[in-house]
Amino acid sequence: MEEMMGSIKFFGGNFAPKDFGFCGGQLIAISQNQALYAILGTTWGGDGRTNFALPDMRGRVPIGVGRGVGLTEVFQGQQRGSELMELGIQHLPSHSHDATFTPTTVGASSSPTATASVNAFSGQGNQDSPAGNYWALGNVVDGRSNLPVKNGYSSTADTTMADDAVNVAISGVGGITGGDVAVGATGGGQHFPIMQPNLGMQYIIALQGYFPSRN
């Protein structure tokens, strides 16, 4: 049965049968294949003056031309896809990484502590002014409680008051002024295959045969 010129089929042999050629993208002369050129044109390559190319099916799978439902459009002679792919950040779901904070400190490397003591005198005072003196037991003038206390301070001390008798604010101590956050690296950046299972066979195209009619 005569083949239709330009038709493509599988062939299980390792040679191109008579009147067929491998679909390997090779250039052939227009002058010797004018009828086939009228069918293929330069869709598959060539300069269109002296030569044109046969379809290159090496390592490729054919796919229907046009726009399928929910799919992108495919054009005649268009080559698409790849064997390998590398994931970029835009392909990844939201995720987190381990991070380590290394602080930069000034002064003390730990939390400071402070203890304050208030000195006092446990006996009768001998001073009226607090300047340079200590709290002491005062003397009530004339034994009346509504009069000022005399000698409420002492020039010497022999005891301390309760720890919470005074508040001490600590300032100007060392602390964290900055630091670096190290985020652990992950992934190797290797490409991974996205090729479907396949079987290598020869694609052949009819170079001779009957010319296909448009109607």
N, C-alpha and C. Protein backbone atom coordinates (compact mmCIF):
# COMPACT_ATOMS: atom_id res chain seq x y z
N MET A 1 0.85 -1.20 0.00
CA MET A 1 0.00 0.00 0.00
C MET A 1 0.88 1.25 0.00
N GLU A 2 0.61 2.15 -0.92
CA GLU A 2 1.44 3.35 -1.02
C GLU A 2 1.19 4.26 0.18
N GLU A 3 2.27 4.80 0.72
CA GLU A 3 2.17 5.69 1.87
C GLU A 3 1.79 7.10 1.45
N MET A 4 1.19 7.82 2.36
CA MET A 4 0.91 9.23 2.12
C MET A 4 2.17 10.02 2.42
N MET A 5 2.60 10.82 1.49
CA MET A 5 3.83 11.59 1.64
C MET A 5 3.73 12.51 2.86
N GLY A 6 4.79 12.51 3.68
CA GLY A 6 4.82 13.34 4.88
C GLY A 6 4.27 12.68 6.12
N SER A 7 3.70 11.47 5.99
CA SER A 7 3.18 10.77 7.17
C SER A 7 4.34 10.23 8.01
N ILE A 8 4.15 10.15 9.30
CA ILE A 8 5.18 9.71 10.25
C ILE A 8 4.65 8.50 11.00
N LYS A 9 5.55 7.53 11.20
CA LYS A 9 5.17 6.32 11.93
C LYS A 9 6.37 5.80 12.71
N PHE A 10 6.08 4.85 13.62
CA PHE A 10 7.15 4.14 14.32
C PHE A 10 7.70 3.04 13.43
N PHE A 11 8.99 2.71 13.68
CA PHE A 11 9.60 1.59 12.96
C PHE A 11 10.54 0.89 13.92
N GLY A 12 10.40 -0.44 14.01
CA GLY A 12 11.19 -1.20 14.98
C GLY A 12 12.60 -1.53 14.52
N GLY A 13 12.94 -1.27 13.26
CA GLY A 13 14.29 -1.56 12.79
C GLY A 13 15.25 -0.44 13.10
N ASN A 14 16.52 -0.68 12.73
CA ASN A 14 17.54 0.33 12.97
C ASN A 14 17.98 1.01 11.67
N PHE A 15 17.16 0.92 10.65
CA PHE A 15 17.43 1.58 9.37
C PHE A 15 16.13 2.19 8.86
N ALA A 16 16.27 3.13 7.96
CA ALA A 16 15.09 3.75 7.35
C ALA A 16 14.72 2.97 6.09
N PRO A 17 13.51 2.44 5.99
CA PRO A 17 13.10 1.68 4.80
C PRO A 17 13.12 2.57 3.55
N LYS A 18 13.02 1.93 2.42
CA LYS A 18 13.00 2.64 1.14
C LYS A 18 11.86 3.66 1.12
N ASP A 19 12.15 4.82 0.57
CA ASP A 19 11.20 5.94 0.45
C ASP A 19 10.83 6.57 1.79
N PHE A 20 11.57 6.22 2.86
CA PHE A 20 11.37 6.82 4.18
C PHE A 20 12.69 7.45 4.64
N GLY A 21 12.60 8.33 5.56
CA GLY A 21 13.78 8.91 6.20
C GLY A 21 13.55 9.00 7.70
N PHE A 22 14.65 8.98 8.46
CA PHE A 22 14.54 9.15 9.91
C PHE A 22 14.08 10.57 10.23
N CYS A 23 13.28 10.68 11.26
CA CYS A 23 12.89 12.01 11.75
C CYS A 23 13.97 12.50 12.70
N GLY A 24 15.08 12.94 12.10
CA GLY A 24 16.23 13.36 12.89
C GLY A 24 16.61 14.81 12.68
N GLY A 25 15.72 15.61 12.10
CA GLY A 25 16.01 17.02 11.91
C GLY A 25 16.99 17.32 10.80
N GLN A 26 17.28 16.32 9.94
CA GLN A 26 18.27 16.55 8.89
C GLN A 26 17.73 17.46 7.80
N LEU A 27 18.64 18.20 7.16
CA LEU A 27 18.30 19.09 6.05
C LEU A 27 18.34 18.32 4.75
N ILE A 28 17.34 18.54 3.89
CA ILE A 28 17.32 17.91 2.57
C ILE A 28 17.06 19.00 1.52
N ALA A 29 17.48 18.72 0.30
CA ALA A 29 17.41 19.71 -0.77
C ALA A 29 15.98 19.89 -1.26
N ILE A 30 15.60 21.14 -1.45
CA ILE A 30 14.27 21.43 -1.99
C ILE A 30 14.16 20.95 -3.43
N SER A 31 15.24 21.12 -4.18
CA SER A 31 15.21 20.78 -5.61
C SER A 31 14.91 19.31 -5.85
N GLN A 32 15.28 18.45 -4.91
CA GLN A 32 15.08 17.02 -5.07
C GLN A 32 13.82 16.52 -4.36
N ASN A 33 13.18 17.38 -3.59
CA ASN A 33 12.01 16.96 -2.80
C ASN A 33 10.96 18.07 -2.79
N GLN A 34 10.61 18.55 -3.98
CA GLN A 34 9.70 19.68 -4.08
C GLN A 34 8.30 19.36 -3.55
N ALA A 35 7.82 18.16 -3.82
CA ALA A 35 6.48 17.78 -3.34
C ALA A 35 6.44 17.72 -1.82
N LEU A 36 7.48 17.13 -1.22
CA LEU A 36 7.53 17.04 0.24
C LEU A 36 7.69 18.43 0.86
N TYR A 37 8.46 19.28 0.19
CA TYR A 37 8.63 20.66 0.69
C TYR A 37 7.31 21.41 0.67
N ALA A 38 6.48 21.11 -0.32
CA ALA A 38 5.17 21.75 -0.40
C ALA A 38 4.31 21.38 0.81
N ILE A 39 4.57 20.22 1.39
CA ILE A 39 3.81 19.76 2.57
C ILE A 39 4.40 20.31 3.86
N LEU A 40 5.74 20.18 4.01
CA LEU A 40 6.39 20.52 5.28
C LEU A 40 6.79 21.99 5.37
N GLY A 41 7.22 22.58 4.25
CA GLY A 41 7.73 23.94 4.30
C GLY A 41 8.94 24.02 5.22
N THR A 42 9.10 25.14 5.89
CA THR A 42 10.22 25.32 6.83
C THR A 42 9.74 25.23 8.29
N THR A 43 8.62 24.55 8.48
CA THR A 43 8.10 24.40 9.85
C THR A 43 9.12 23.78 10.78
N TRP A 44 9.92 22.86 10.26
CA TRP A 44 10.86 22.11 11.09
C TRP A 44 12.29 22.60 10.91
N GLY A 45 12.50 23.66 10.14
CA GLY A 45 13.83 24.22 9.95
C GLY A 45 14.19 24.36 8.48
N GLY A 46 15.39 24.83 8.23
CA GLY A 46 15.85 25.06 6.87
C GLY A 46 15.74 26.52 6.47
N ASP A 47 16.41 26.87 5.35
CA ASP A 47 16.42 28.27 4.93
C ASP A 47 15.29 28.60 3.96
N GLY A 48 14.57 27.58 3.45
CA GLY A 48 13.47 27.82 2.54
C GLY A 48 13.90 28.24 1.15
N ARG A 49 15.20 28.30 0.89
CA ARG A 49 15.70 28.65 -0.44
C ARG A 49 16.31 27.43 -1.14
N THR A 50 17.19 26.76 -0.41
CA THR A 50 17.83 25.57 -0.98
C THR A 50 17.50 24.30 -0.20
N ASN A 51 17.08 24.44 1.05
CA ASN A 51 16.84 23.24 1.85
C ASN A 51 15.70 23.46 2.84
N PHE A 52 15.25 22.37 3.39
CA PHE A 52 14.27 22.37 4.48
C PHE A 52 14.59 21.18 5.37
N ALA A 53 14.04 21.17 6.58
CA ALA A 53 14.39 20.15 7.56
C ALA A 53 13.22 19.20 7.79
N LEU A 54 13.60 17.96 8.09
CA LEU A 54 12.61 16.97 8.53
C LEU A 54 12.36 17.17 10.03
N PRO A 55 11.22 16.75 10.53
CA PRO A 55 10.97 16.86 11.98
C PRO A 55 12.05 16.12 12.76
N ASP A 56 12.44 16.69 13.89
CA ASP A 56 13.45 16.06 14.75
C ASP A 56 12.73 15.46 15.96
N MET A 57 12.52 14.14 15.91
CA MET A 57 11.82 13.44 16.98
C MET A 57 12.76 12.77 17.96
N ARG A 58 14.05 13.02 17.82
CA ARG A 58 15.01 12.36 18.71
C ARG A 58 14.80 12.79 20.15
N GLY A 59 14.52 11.81 21.02
CA GLY A 59 14.34 12.09 22.43
C GLY A 59 13.08 12.86 22.77
N ARG A 60 12.12 12.92 21.85
CA ARG A 60 10.92 13.71 22.08
C ARG A 60 9.65 12.88 21.86
N VAL A 61 8.59 13.33 22.49
CA VAL A 61 7.28 12.70 22.37
C VAL A 61 6.36 13.67 21.65
N PRO A 62 5.62 13.21 20.62
CA PRO A 62 4.70 14.12 19.91
C PRO A 62 3.50 14.47 20.78
N ILE A 63 2.96 15.64 20.54
CA ILE A 63 1.79 16.10 21.28
C ILE A 63 0.89 16.86 20.32
N GLY A 64 -0.40 16.77 20.52
CA GLY A 64 -1.35 17.39 19.61
C GLY A 64 -1.26 18.91 19.59
N VAL A 65 -1.35 19.47 18.39
CA VAL A 65 -1.31 20.92 18.21
C VAL A 65 -2.66 21.51 18.61
N GLY A 66 -2.62 22.70 19.21
CA GLY A 66 -3.85 23.39 19.61
C GLY A 66 -3.89 23.63 21.10
N ARG A 67 -5.03 24.09 21.57
CA ARG A 67 -5.22 24.37 22.99
C ARG A 67 -6.27 23.44 23.55
N GLY A 68 -5.84 22.49 24.37
CA GLY A 68 -6.78 21.61 25.04
C GLY A 68 -7.46 22.33 26.19
N VAL A 69 -8.54 21.76 26.69
CA VAL A 69 -9.29 22.38 27.78
C VAL A 69 -8.39 22.48 29.02
N GLY A 70 -8.21 23.68 29.50
CA GLY A 70 -7.40 23.91 30.69
C GLY A 70 -5.90 23.80 30.45
N LEU A 71 -5.48 23.75 29.17
CA LEU A 71 -4.06 23.59 28.85
C LEU A 71 -3.56 24.78 28.05
N THR A 72 -2.23 24.91 27.98
CA THR A 72 -1.64 25.97 27.17
C THR A 72 -1.61 25.55 25.71
N GLU A 73 -1.55 26.54 24.84
CA GLU A 73 -1.60 26.26 23.40
C GLU A 73 -0.27 25.70 22.90
N VAL A 74 -0.37 24.75 21.98
CA VAL A 74 0.80 24.13 21.34
C VAL A 74 0.75 24.47 19.86
N PHE A 75 1.90 24.92 19.32
CA PHE A 75 1.97 25.31 17.92
C PHE A 75 2.72 24.25 17.11
N GLN A 76 2.42 24.21 15.83
CA GLN A 76 3.09 23.26 14.93
C GLN A 76 4.60 23.53 14.93
N GLY A 77 5.37 22.48 15.20
CA GLY A 77 6.82 22.60 15.21
C GLY A 77 7.41 23.13 16.50
N GLN A 78 6.58 23.44 17.48
CA GLN A 78 7.08 23.99 18.75
C GLN A 78 7.72 22.89 19.60
N GLN A 79 8.90 23.17 20.14
CA GLN A 79 9.56 22.25 21.06
C GLN A 79 9.38 22.76 22.49
N ARG A 80 8.95 21.87 23.37
CA ARG A 80 8.68 22.27 24.74
C ARG A 80 9.24 21.23 25.70
N GLY A 81 9.36 21.62 26.97
CA GLY A 81 9.73 20.69 28.03
C GLY A 81 11.22 20.46 28.14
N SER A 82 11.61 19.79 29.22
CA SER A 82 13.00 19.45 29.48
C SER A 82 13.06 18.16 30.29
N GLU A 83 14.23 17.53 30.28
CA GLU A 83 14.40 16.28 31.02
C GLU A 83 14.59 16.52 32.51
N LEU A 84 15.25 17.63 32.85
CA LEU A 84 15.60 17.92 34.23
C LEU A 84 15.02 19.26 34.65
N MET A 85 14.87 19.41 35.95
CA MET A 85 14.34 20.66 36.49
C MET A 85 15.01 20.94 37.83
N GLU A 86 15.22 22.21 38.12
CA GLU A 86 15.74 22.62 39.42
C GLU A 86 14.68 23.47 40.11
N LEU A 87 14.34 23.10 41.33
CA LEU A 87 13.33 23.84 42.07
C LEU A 87 13.88 25.19 42.52
N GLY A 88 13.07 26.23 42.35
CA GLY A 88 13.39 27.54 42.88
C GLY A 88 12.52 27.83 44.07
N ILE A 89 12.81 28.92 44.76
CA ILE A 89 12.05 29.25 45.96
C ILE A 89 10.58 29.48 45.65
N GLN A 90 10.29 29.91 44.41
CA GLN A 90 8.90 30.16 44.04
C GLN A 90 8.11 28.87 43.90
N HIS A 91 8.79 27.73 43.83
CA HIS A 91 8.10 26.45 43.70
C HIS A 91 7.83 25.79 45.06
N LEU A 92 8.43 26.30 46.13
CA LEU A 92 8.38 25.63 47.42
C LEU A 92 7.20 26.11 48.26
N PRO A 93 6.64 25.23 49.08
CA PRO A 93 5.62 25.67 50.03
C PRO A 93 6.24 26.50 51.14
N SER A 94 5.42 27.22 51.88
CA SER A 94 5.91 28.00 53.01
C SER A 94 6.55 27.06 54.03
N HIS A 95 7.74 27.43 54.52
CA HIS A 95 8.46 26.58 55.46
C HIS A 95 9.40 27.43 56.29
N SER A 96 10.07 26.82 57.26
CA SER A 96 11.00 27.53 58.14
C SER A 96 12.32 26.80 58.20
N HIS A 97 13.35 27.52 58.68
CA HIS A 97 14.68 26.95 58.83
C HIS A 97 15.15 27.16 60.28
N ASP A 98 16.06 26.29 60.73
CA ASP A 98 16.68 26.49 62.03
C ASP A 98 17.57 27.73 61.98
N ALA A 99 17.50 28.56 63.03
CA ALA A 99 18.30 29.78 63.08
C ALA A 99 18.99 29.86 64.44
N THR A 100 20.23 30.36 64.47
CA THR A 100 21.01 30.51 65.68
C THR A 100 21.39 31.98 65.85
N PHE A 101 21.07 32.57 67.01
CA PHE A 101 21.40 33.97 67.28
C PHE A 101 22.66 34.05 68.10
N THR A 102 23.65 34.80 67.62
CA THR A 102 24.90 35.03 68.34
C THR A 102 24.92 36.50 68.75
N PRO A 103 24.73 36.82 70.06
CA PRO A 103 24.64 38.22 70.47
C PRO A 103 26.00 38.90 70.55
N THR A 104 25.98 40.22 70.39
CA THR A 104 27.15 41.06 70.64
C THR A 104 26.90 41.80 71.94
N THR A 105 27.77 41.60 72.94
CA THR A 105 27.55 42.16 74.27
C THR A 105 28.60 43.21 74.61
N VAL A 106 28.24 44.10 75.54
CA VAL A 106 29.16 45.11 76.06
C VAL A 106 29.15 45.00 77.57
N GLY A 107 30.35 44.98 78.18
CA GLY A 107 30.43 44.91 79.63
C GLY A 107 30.13 43.53 80.15
N ALA A 108 29.27 43.46 81.19
CA ALA A 108 28.97 42.19 81.84
C ALA A 108 28.32 41.23 80.87
N SER A 109 28.67 39.97 81.02
CA SER A 109 28.10 38.94 80.15
C SER A 109 26.92 38.24 80.79
N SER A 110 26.60 38.60 82.06
CA SER A 110 25.46 37.98 82.72
C SER A 110 24.67 39.07 83.44
N SER A 111 23.50 38.72 83.92
CA SER A 111 22.65 39.68 84.61
C SER A 111 23.29 40.11 85.93
N PRO A 112 23.47 41.42 86.18
CA PRO A 112 24.10 41.87 87.43
C PRO A 112 23.12 41.80 88.60
N THR A 113 23.67 41.69 89.80
CA THR A 113 22.88 41.75 91.04
C THR A 113 23.49 42.81 91.95
N ALA A 114 22.68 43.38 92.83
CA ALA A 114 23.17 44.42 93.74
C ALA A 114 22.50 44.25 95.10
N THR A 115 23.25 44.55 96.16
CA THR A 115 22.73 44.52 97.53
C THR A 115 23.00 45.87 98.17
N ALA A 116 21.98 46.50 98.71
CA ALA A 116 22.14 47.82 99.35
C ALA A 116 21.85 47.69 100.85
N SER A 117 22.69 48.33 101.66
CA SER A 117 22.49 48.37 103.12
C SER A 117 22.39 49.82 103.58
N VAL A 118 21.48 50.08 104.51
CA VAL A 118 21.32 51.42 105.09
C VAL A 118 21.82 51.38 106.54
N ASN A 119 22.88 52.10 106.82
CA ASN A 119 23.46 52.12 108.17
C ASN A 119 22.62 52.99 109.11
N ALA A 120 22.57 52.61 110.36
CA ALA A 120 21.80 53.34 111.38
C ALA A 120 22.46 53.14 112.74
N PHE A 121 21.96 53.90 113.73
CA PHE A 121 22.46 53.78 115.10
C PHE A 121 21.30 53.36 115.99
N SER A 122 21.52 52.33 116.79
CA SER A 122 20.41 51.77 117.56
C SER A 122 20.12 52.52 118.86
N GLY A 123 20.98 53.46 119.21
CA GLY A 123 20.76 54.19 120.46
C GLY A 123 20.23 55.59 120.21
N GLN A 124 20.32 56.42 121.27
CA GLN A 124 19.87 57.80 121.18
C GLN A 124 20.81 58.59 120.29
N GLY A 125 20.22 59.39 119.39
CA GLY A 125 21.02 60.20 118.50
C GLY A 125 21.63 61.39 119.19
N ASN A 126 22.59 62.01 118.51
CA ASN A 126 23.24 63.18 119.06
C ASN A 126 23.36 64.32 118.04
N GLN A 127 22.62 64.16 116.92
CA GLN A 127 22.67 65.17 115.88
C GLN A 127 21.25 65.50 115.42
N ASP A 128 21.03 66.79 115.09
CA ASP A 128 19.72 67.20 114.58
C ASP A 128 19.65 67.20 113.06
N SER A 129 20.78 67.29 112.40
CA SER A 129 20.80 67.37 110.93
C SER A 129 21.11 66.00 110.32
N PRO A 130 20.41 65.63 109.22
CA PRO A 130 20.71 64.35 108.57
C PRO A 130 21.99 64.37 107.75
N ALA A 131 22.50 65.56 107.44
CA ALA A 131 23.67 65.65 106.57
C ALA A 131 24.87 64.98 107.20
N GLY A 132 25.39 63.94 106.54
CA GLY A 132 26.59 63.26 107.01
C GLY A 132 26.37 62.40 108.23
N ASN A 133 25.12 62.14 108.61
CA ASN A 133 24.85 61.36 109.81
C ASN A 133 23.99 60.14 109.49
N TYR A 134 23.56 59.42 110.53
CA TYR A 134 22.79 58.18 110.38
C TYR A 134 21.52 58.29 111.20
N TRP A 135 20.53 57.51 110.78
CA TRP A 135 19.30 57.48 111.56
C TRP A 135 19.58 56.91 112.96
N ALA A 136 18.88 57.47 113.92
CA ALA A 136 19.05 57.01 115.31
C ALA A 136 17.73 57.22 116.06
N LEU A 137 17.73 56.86 117.37
CA LEU A 137 16.56 57.09 118.21
C LEU A 137 16.57 58.55 118.65
N GLY A 138 15.47 59.23 118.44
CA GLY A 138 15.41 60.64 118.80
C GLY A 138 14.87 60.86 120.22
N ASN A 139 14.96 62.08 120.68
CA ASN A 139 14.44 62.47 121.98
C ASN A 139 13.29 63.45 121.79
N VAL A 140 12.15 63.18 122.44
CA VAL A 140 11.01 64.07 122.34
C VAL A 140 11.23 65.25 123.29
N VAL A 141 11.15 66.43 122.76
CA VAL A 141 11.39 67.63 123.57
C VAL A 141 10.29 67.79 124.62
N ASP A 142 10.65 67.93 125.89
CA ASP A 142 9.72 68.16 126.99
C ASP A 142 8.71 67.03 127.16
N GLY A 143 8.98 65.83 126.55
CA GLY A 143 8.09 64.70 126.72
C GLY A 143 6.78 64.80 126.00
N ARG A 144 6.65 65.77 125.10
CA ARG A 144 5.39 65.92 124.38
C ARG A 144 5.53 65.37 122.96
N SER A 145 4.59 64.51 122.57
CA SER A 145 4.71 63.80 121.29
C SER A 145 4.43 64.67 120.08
N ASN A 146 3.83 65.83 120.29
CA ASN A 146 3.50 66.66 119.15
C ASN A 146 4.57 67.70 118.85
N LEU A 147 5.71 67.58 119.51
CA LEU A 147 6.83 68.49 119.25
C LEU A 147 7.88 67.78 118.41
N PRO A 148 8.72 68.54 117.73
CA PRO A 148 9.76 67.91 116.90
C PRO A 148 10.66 66.99 117.72
N VAL A 149 11.17 65.95 117.01
CA VAL A 149 12.10 65.02 117.65
C VAL A 149 13.48 65.64 117.60
N LYS A 150 14.15 65.61 118.71
CA LYS A 150 15.50 66.18 118.78
C LYS A 150 16.53 65.06 118.72
N ASN A 151 17.64 65.38 118.11
CA ASN A 151 18.75 64.41 118.00
C ASN A 151 18.29 63.10 117.36
N GLY A 152 17.61 63.21 116.20
CA GLY A 152 17.14 62.01 115.50
C GLY A 152 18.20 61.35 114.64
N TYR A 153 19.41 61.86 114.72
CA TYR A 153 20.51 61.31 113.91
C TYR A 153 21.73 61.12 114.78
N SER A 154 22.62 60.21 114.34
CA SER A 154 23.83 59.92 115.08
C SER A 154 25.03 60.11 114.18
N SER A 155 26.12 60.49 114.78
CA SER A 155 27.35 60.67 114.01
C SER A 155 28.07 59.36 113.77
N THR A 156 27.62 58.30 114.42
CA THR A 156 28.20 56.97 114.22
C THR A 156 27.10 55.96 113.95
N ALA A 157 27.47 54.80 113.44
CA ALA A 157 26.49 53.73 113.14
C ALA A 157 26.96 52.44 113.76
N ASP A 158 25.99 51.61 114.19
CA ASP A 158 26.35 50.30 114.73
C ASP A 158 25.42 49.19 114.24
N THR A 159 24.55 49.47 113.26
CA THR A 159 23.63 48.46 112.75
C THR A 159 23.18 48.84 111.34
N THR A 160 22.38 47.99 110.73
CA THR A 160 21.80 48.28 109.41
C THR A 160 20.30 48.09 109.47
N MET A 161 19.60 48.82 108.61
CA MET A 161 18.15 48.71 108.54
C MET A 161 17.75 47.53 107.67
N ALA A 162 16.46 47.32 107.54
CA ALA A 162 15.96 46.20 106.73
C ALA A 162 16.41 46.34 105.27
N ASP A 163 16.55 45.20 104.57
CA ASP A 163 17.04 45.21 103.19
C ASP A 163 16.14 46.03 102.26
N ASP A 164 14.83 46.04 102.53
CA ASP A 164 13.92 46.76 101.65
C ASP A 164 13.66 48.20 102.09
N ALA A 165 14.51 48.71 103.00
CA ALA A 165 14.36 50.09 103.45
C ALA A 165 14.79 51.09 102.38
N VAL A 166 15.46 50.62 101.38
CA VAL A 166 15.91 51.50 100.30
C VAL A 166 15.85 50.73 98.99
N ASN A 167 15.56 51.43 97.91
CA ASN A 167 15.57 50.83 96.58
C ASN A 167 16.80 51.30 95.81
N VAL A 168 17.44 50.37 95.14
CA VAL A 168 18.64 50.70 94.37
C VAL A 168 18.37 50.39 92.91
N ALA A 169 18.54 51.37 92.04
CA ALA A 169 18.38 51.17 90.59
C ALA A 169 19.76 51.02 89.96
N ILE A 170 19.93 49.96 89.21
CA ILE A 170 21.21 49.70 88.54
C ILE A 170 21.10 50.16 87.09
N SER A 171 22.03 50.95 86.65
CA SER A 171 22.05 51.41 85.25
C SER A 171 23.48 51.47 84.76
N GLY A 172 23.60 51.51 83.43
CA GLY A 172 24.94 51.62 82.85
C GLY A 172 25.71 50.32 82.81
N VAL A 173 25.03 49.19 83.08
CA VAL A 173 25.74 47.91 83.02
C VAL A 173 25.75 47.39 81.59
N GLY A 174 26.53 46.37 81.36
CA GLY A 174 26.63 45.79 80.02
C GLY A 174 25.34 45.14 79.57
N GLY A 175 25.24 44.91 78.28
CA GLY A 175 24.06 44.26 77.72
C GLY A 175 24.28 43.90 76.27
N ILE A 176 23.23 43.45 75.61
CA ILE A 176 23.29 43.05 74.21
C ILE A 176 23.07 44.28 73.34
N THR A 177 24.00 44.56 72.46
CA THR A 177 23.89 45.71 71.56
C THR A 177 23.58 45.31 70.13
N GLY A 178 23.55 44.05 69.82
CA GLY A 178 23.29 43.58 68.46
C GLY A 178 23.64 42.11 68.36
N GLY A 179 23.85 41.65 67.16
CA GLY A 179 24.21 40.25 66.97
C GLY A 179 23.96 39.79 65.56
N ASP A 180 24.24 38.55 65.34
CA ASP A 180 24.06 37.94 64.02
C ASP A 180 23.14 36.74 64.14
N VAL A 181 22.27 36.58 63.15
CA VAL A 181 21.40 35.42 63.07
C VAL A 181 21.89 34.55 61.91
N ALA A 182 22.29 33.34 62.22
CA ALA A 182 22.75 32.40 61.20
C ALA A 182 21.63 31.42 60.89
N VAL A 183 21.18 31.40 59.65
CA VAL A 183 20.12 30.49 59.21
C VAL A 183 20.76 29.29 58.55
N GLY A 184 20.43 28.12 59.04
CA GLY A 184 21.02 26.90 58.51
C GLY A 184 20.66 26.67 57.05
N ALA A 185 21.67 26.35 56.26
CA ALA A 185 21.45 26.07 54.83
C ALA A 185 20.84 24.68 54.67
N THR A 186 20.03 24.55 53.65
CA THR A 186 19.43 23.25 53.37
C THR A 186 19.28 23.08 51.87
N GLY A 187 19.25 21.87 51.43
CA GLY A 187 19.11 21.60 50.00
C GLY A 187 20.45 21.59 49.29
N GLY A 188 20.52 20.83 48.20
CA GLY A 188 21.76 20.71 47.45
C GLY A 188 21.73 21.38 46.10
N GLY A 189 20.56 21.90 45.68
CA GLY A 189 20.48 22.58 44.40
C GLY A 189 20.65 21.68 43.19
N GLN A 190 20.44 20.39 43.36
CA GLN A 190 20.61 19.45 42.26
C GLN A 190 19.34 19.40 41.40
N HIS A 191 19.55 19.30 40.09
CA HIS A 191 18.43 19.09 39.19
C HIS A 191 17.86 17.68 39.39
N PHE A 192 16.58 17.53 39.17
CA PHE A 192 15.98 16.21 39.30
C PHE A 192 15.19 15.89 38.03
N PRO A 193 15.11 14.61 37.68
CA PRO A 193 14.45 14.23 36.42
C PRO A 193 12.94 14.35 36.52
N ILE A 194 12.32 14.79 35.43
CA ILE A 194 10.86 14.85 35.35
C ILE A 194 10.38 14.10 34.11
N MET A 195 11.22 13.20 33.63
CA MET A 195 10.90 12.46 32.41
C MET A 195 9.96 11.29 32.71
N GLN A 196 8.96 11.13 31.88
CA GLN A 196 8.06 10.00 32.02
C GLN A 196 8.76 8.72 31.56
N PRO A 197 8.32 7.55 32.01
CA PRO A 197 8.88 6.30 31.50
C PRO A 197 8.72 6.24 29.98
N ASN A 198 9.73 5.77 29.29
CA ASN A 198 9.67 5.78 27.83
C ASN A 198 10.43 4.60 27.23
N LEU A 199 10.27 4.43 25.94
CA LEU A 199 10.93 3.36 25.19
C LEU A 199 11.43 3.95 23.88
N GLY A 200 12.73 3.82 23.64
CA GLY A 200 13.32 4.39 22.44
C GLY A 200 12.95 3.60 21.18
N MET A 201 12.38 4.29 20.19
CA MET A 201 12.06 3.69 18.90
C MET A 201 12.34 4.70 17.80
N GLN A 202 12.40 4.21 16.55
CA GLN A 202 12.66 5.08 15.42
C GLN A 202 11.36 5.70 14.91
N TYR A 203 11.39 7.02 14.70
CA TYR A 203 10.33 7.69 13.95
C TYR A 203 10.81 7.83 12.51
N ILE A 204 9.97 7.44 11.57
CA ILE A 204 10.32 7.57 10.16
C ILE A 204 9.23 8.36 9.45
N ILE A 205 9.61 9.08 8.40
CA ILE A 205 8.69 9.90 7.64
C ILE A 205 8.72 9.49 6.17
N ALA A 206 7.58 9.45 5.55
CA ALA A 206 7.48 9.05 4.14
C ALA A 206 7.97 10.18 3.25
N LEU A 207 9.07 9.92 2.53
CA LEU A 207 9.62 10.91 1.61
C LEU A 207 8.95 10.84 0.24
N GLN A 208 8.41 9.69 -0.07
CA GLN A 208 7.72 9.45 -1.34
C GLN A 208 6.32 8.92 -1.03
N GLY A 209 5.46 8.90 -2.03
CA GLY A 209 4.11 8.40 -1.85
C GLY A 209 3.12 9.30 -2.54
N TYR A 210 1.87 9.10 -2.23
CA TYR A 210 0.87 9.92 -2.89
C TYR A 210 0.73 11.25 -2.14
N PHE A 211 0.49 12.30 -2.87
CA PHE A 211 0.38 13.63 -2.29
C PHE A 211 -0.99 13.78 -1.63
N PRO A 212 -1.02 14.20 -0.36
CA PRO A 212 -2.31 14.29 0.35
C PRO A 212 -3.20 15.38 -0.23
N SER A 213 -4.43 15.03 -0.45
CA SER A 213 -5.40 15.99 -0.98
C SER A 213 -6.03 16.77 0.16
N ARG A 214 -6.33 18.04 -0.04
CA ARG A 214 -6.95 18.87 0.99
C ARG A 214 -8.47 18.68 1.04
N ASN A 215 -9.03 17.99 0.05
CA ASN A 215 -10.48 17.78 0.09
C ASN A 215 -10.80 16.41 -0.50
